[in-house]
Amino acid sequence: MPIINSINVLAKEEETKTVTPDFSSGNIVVTPTSGKVMTQVTFTKDTTNHIADNIADGVTLYGVTGTLVSGGSGGYDVFVRNNGGGNNMDMLVKFSDNKGLRVAFPFGLPSTTYDDIDLKNVVWLKVLSYDVSWDSSTGITEAQATNSAGYTLTENVTIELRD
């Protein structure tokens, strides 16, 4: 019987891979190319969406702890400008924390300092009434604002009223 003094082991070629996680189809499986061995796998983080502001407050997702307190979008600014004084508006608004509020304001108070209204983090609004001319607006049309179902905002809104 012959004696074997040495064994020639053919080493497999090594490889590394970089993967951007996509869990839409389930778990991610990273396998080496046929005939190769994996020495390193790097997962790249989505730095656009995988941030604390987009994860619920206190929830940790792959090492990032969330700070989001609202129910989703941070909402939009709504600015109502009184151009001329003596204007009134009554509207319902919903904020990004899912709380609602009825905002009824008589314009034309003794000091015009208080004639413009500035709301933050609004996600939905419905104008119930106004007693002047709808002069112009950006981010919403008069028909959208006065629609019986209200309107879900998609951008900042400015409404300008005129006597």
Protein backbone atom coordinates (compact mmCIF):
# COMPACT_ATOMS: atom_id res chain seq x y z
CA MET A 1 0.00 0.00 0.00
CA PRO A 2 1.45 3.36 -1.02
CA ILE A 3 2.09 6.10 1.54
CA ILE A 4 0.81 9.58 0.72
CA ASN A 5 3.27 12.32 1.75
CA SER A 6 1.26 15.36 0.66
CA ILE A 7 -2.13 16.38 -0.60
CA ASN A 8 -2.62 19.15 -3.11
CA VAL A 9 -5.71 21.15 -2.14
CA LEU A 10 -6.90 23.53 -4.79
CA ALA A 11 -7.95 26.76 -3.12
CA LYS A 12 -11.19 28.35 -4.31
CA GLU A 13 -11.14 31.91 -5.49
CA GLU A 14 -12.42 34.39 -2.88
CA GLU A 15 -14.98 37.13 -3.46
CA THR A 16 -16.74 39.94 -1.65
CA LYS A 17 -20.21 41.31 -2.34
CA THR A 18 -22.04 44.55 -1.56
CA VAL A 19 -25.82 44.30 -1.23
CA THR A 20 -28.48 47.00 -0.91
CA PRO A 21 -31.24 45.39 1.18
CA ASP A 22 -34.65 44.94 -0.46
CA PHE A 23 -37.05 42.95 1.69
CA SER A 24 -40.02 43.31 -0.67
CA SER A 25 -39.77 39.61 -1.58
CA GLY A 26 -38.81 38.32 1.86
CA ASN A 27 -35.41 37.54 3.33
CA ILE A 28 -32.20 38.29 1.49
CA VAL A 29 -29.97 35.33 0.66
CA VAL A 30 -26.42 36.10 -0.40
CA THR A 31 -24.61 33.19 -2.01
CA PRO A 32 -21.15 33.00 -3.51
CA THR A 33 -20.63 32.67 -7.23
CA SER A 34 -20.18 29.03 -8.29
CA GLY A 35 -16.64 27.88 -7.56
CA LYS A 36 -15.88 30.78 -5.20
CA VAL A 37 -15.99 31.32 -1.45
CA MET A 38 -17.44 34.39 0.21
CA THR A 39 -15.01 36.31 2.41
CA GLN A 40 -17.17 39.38 3.10
CA VAL A 41 -20.69 40.69 2.54
CA THR A 42 -21.42 44.40 3.01
CA PHE A 43 -25.01 45.65 3.33
CA THR A 44 -25.42 49.29 2.30
CA LYS A 45 -27.88 51.34 4.32
CA ASP A 46 -30.57 53.37 2.59
CA THR A 47 -29.54 56.78 3.93
CA THR A 48 -32.50 58.52 2.32
CA ASN A 49 -35.35 56.59 3.96
CA HIS A 50 -33.79 54.57 6.79
CA ILE A 51 -33.46 57.52 9.17
CA ALA A 52 -34.74 58.22 12.69
CA ASP A 53 -37.32 60.75 11.42
CA ASN A 54 -39.08 57.99 9.42
CA ILE A 55 -39.21 55.35 12.19
CA ALA A 56 -41.75 55.41 15.04
CA ASP A 57 -40.45 56.95 18.26
CA GLY A 58 -38.67 54.37 20.41
CA VAL A 59 -38.61 51.65 17.72
CA THR A 60 -35.17 50.42 16.68
CA LEU A 61 -34.90 49.12 13.13
CA TYR A 62 -31.52 47.67 12.15
CA GLY A 63 -29.70 49.84 14.66
CA VAL A 64 -31.54 53.11 13.97
CA THR A 65 -33.86 54.24 16.78
CA GLY A 66 -36.86 56.18 15.60
CA THR A 67 -37.94 59.65 16.68
CA LEU A 68 -41.17 59.98 14.63
CA VAL A 69 -44.02 61.03 16.92
CA SER A 70 -46.64 61.85 14.30
CA GLY A 71 -48.73 59.35 12.42
CA GLY A 72 -46.77 59.82 9.21
CA SER A 73 -46.08 62.89 7.22
CA GLY A 74 -44.81 65.91 9.10
CA GLY A 75 -47.56 67.93 7.47
CA TYR A 76 -47.50 71.22 5.68
CA ASP A 77 -47.69 74.93 6.43
CA VAL A 78 -51.02 76.66 5.83
CA PHE A 79 -50.89 80.43 5.62
CA VAL A 80 -54.08 82.48 5.22
CA ARG A 81 -53.40 86.08 4.24
CA ASN A 82 -55.93 88.86 4.73
CA ASN A 83 -55.60 91.34 1.90
CA GLY A 84 -57.89 94.19 2.77
CA GLY A 85 -59.17 93.53 6.30
CA GLY A 86 -62.63 92.64 7.54
CA ASN A 87 -62.45 89.03 6.31
CA ASN A 88 -63.76 85.91 8.07
CA MET A 89 -63.02 82.21 7.52
CA ASP A 90 -64.17 79.02 9.22
CA MET A 91 -62.33 75.77 8.52
CA LEU A 92 -61.54 72.34 9.89
CA VAL A 93 -57.93 71.13 9.96
CA LYS A 94 -56.19 67.88 10.84
CA PHE A 95 -52.57 67.91 11.99
CA SER A 96 -49.84 65.32 11.45
CA ASP A 97 -50.36 63.98 14.99
CA ASN A 98 -53.92 63.05 13.87
CA LYS A 99 -55.53 65.72 16.07
CA GLY A 100 -58.23 67.89 14.55
CA LEU A 101 -59.22 71.46 15.20
CA ARG A 102 -61.90 73.87 14.06
CA VAL A 103 -60.33 77.19 13.19
CA ALA A 104 -62.79 80.04 13.02
CA PHE A 105 -61.23 83.44 12.83
CA PRO A 106 -62.75 86.83 12.32
CA PHE A 107 -60.31 88.97 10.46
CA GLY A 108 -60.43 92.72 10.87
CA LEU A 109 -59.64 92.72 14.57
CA PRO A 110 -58.77 96.12 16.04
CA SER A 111 -55.11 95.61 15.14
CA THR A 112 -54.27 94.21 11.70
CA THR A 113 -51.27 92.51 13.31
CA TYR A 114 -53.53 89.50 13.93
CA ASP A 115 -55.13 89.34 10.50
CA ASP A 116 -52.91 86.62 8.97
CA ILE A 117 -53.10 83.01 10.17
CA ASP A 118 -50.13 80.63 10.06
CA LEU A 119 -50.66 76.93 10.86
CA LYS A 120 -47.95 74.24 10.93
CA ASN A 121 -48.00 70.45 10.38
CA VAL A 122 -51.40 70.39 8.67
CA VAL A 123 -52.22 67.26 6.63
CA TRP A 124 -55.91 67.91 5.77
CA LEU A 125 -58.26 70.86 5.67
CA LYS A 126 -61.81 71.78 4.76
CA VAL A 127 -62.95 75.40 4.43
CA LEU A 128 -66.52 75.60 5.74
CA SER A 129 -67.11 79.23 4.89
CA TYR A 130 -65.56 82.60 4.14
CA ASP A 131 -67.36 85.87 3.59
CA VAL A 132 -65.07 87.59 1.13
CA SER A 133 -63.42 86.99 -2.22
CA TRP A 134 -60.99 84.08 -2.67
CA ASP A 135 -58.28 86.13 -4.34
CA SER A 136 -55.65 83.46 -5.05
CA SER A 137 -53.98 80.40 -3.61
CA THR A 138 -50.99 78.09 -4.01
CA GLY A 139 -50.90 74.42 -3.06
CA ILE A 140 -54.70 74.15 -3.12
CA THR A 141 -57.56 75.39 -5.26
CA GLU A 142 -60.74 76.98 -3.95
CA ALA A 143 -62.70 73.93 -5.15
CA GLN A 144 -60.35 71.54 -3.27
CA ALA A 145 -60.48 73.60 -0.09
CA THR A 146 -64.27 73.85 -0.06
CA ASN A 147 -64.94 70.26 -1.18
CA SER A 148 -67.42 68.55 1.15
CA ALA A 149 -64.90 65.73 1.79
CA GLY A 150 -62.07 68.15 2.55
CA TYR A 151 -58.64 67.92 0.97
CA THR A 152 -55.46 66.01 1.91
CA LEU A 153 -52.52 68.36 1.46
CA THR A 154 -49.54 67.47 -0.70
CA GLU A 155 -47.60 70.72 -0.30
CA ASN A 156 -47.52 74.00 1.63
CA VAL A 157 -50.63 76.14 1.14
CA THR A 158 -51.20 79.87 0.91
CA ILE A 159 -54.71 81.28 0.66
CA GLU A 160 -55.19 84.97 -0.08
CA LEU A 161 -58.53 86.59 0.69
CA ARG A 162 -59.65 90.01 -0.49
CA ASP A 163 -62.59 92.26 0.35
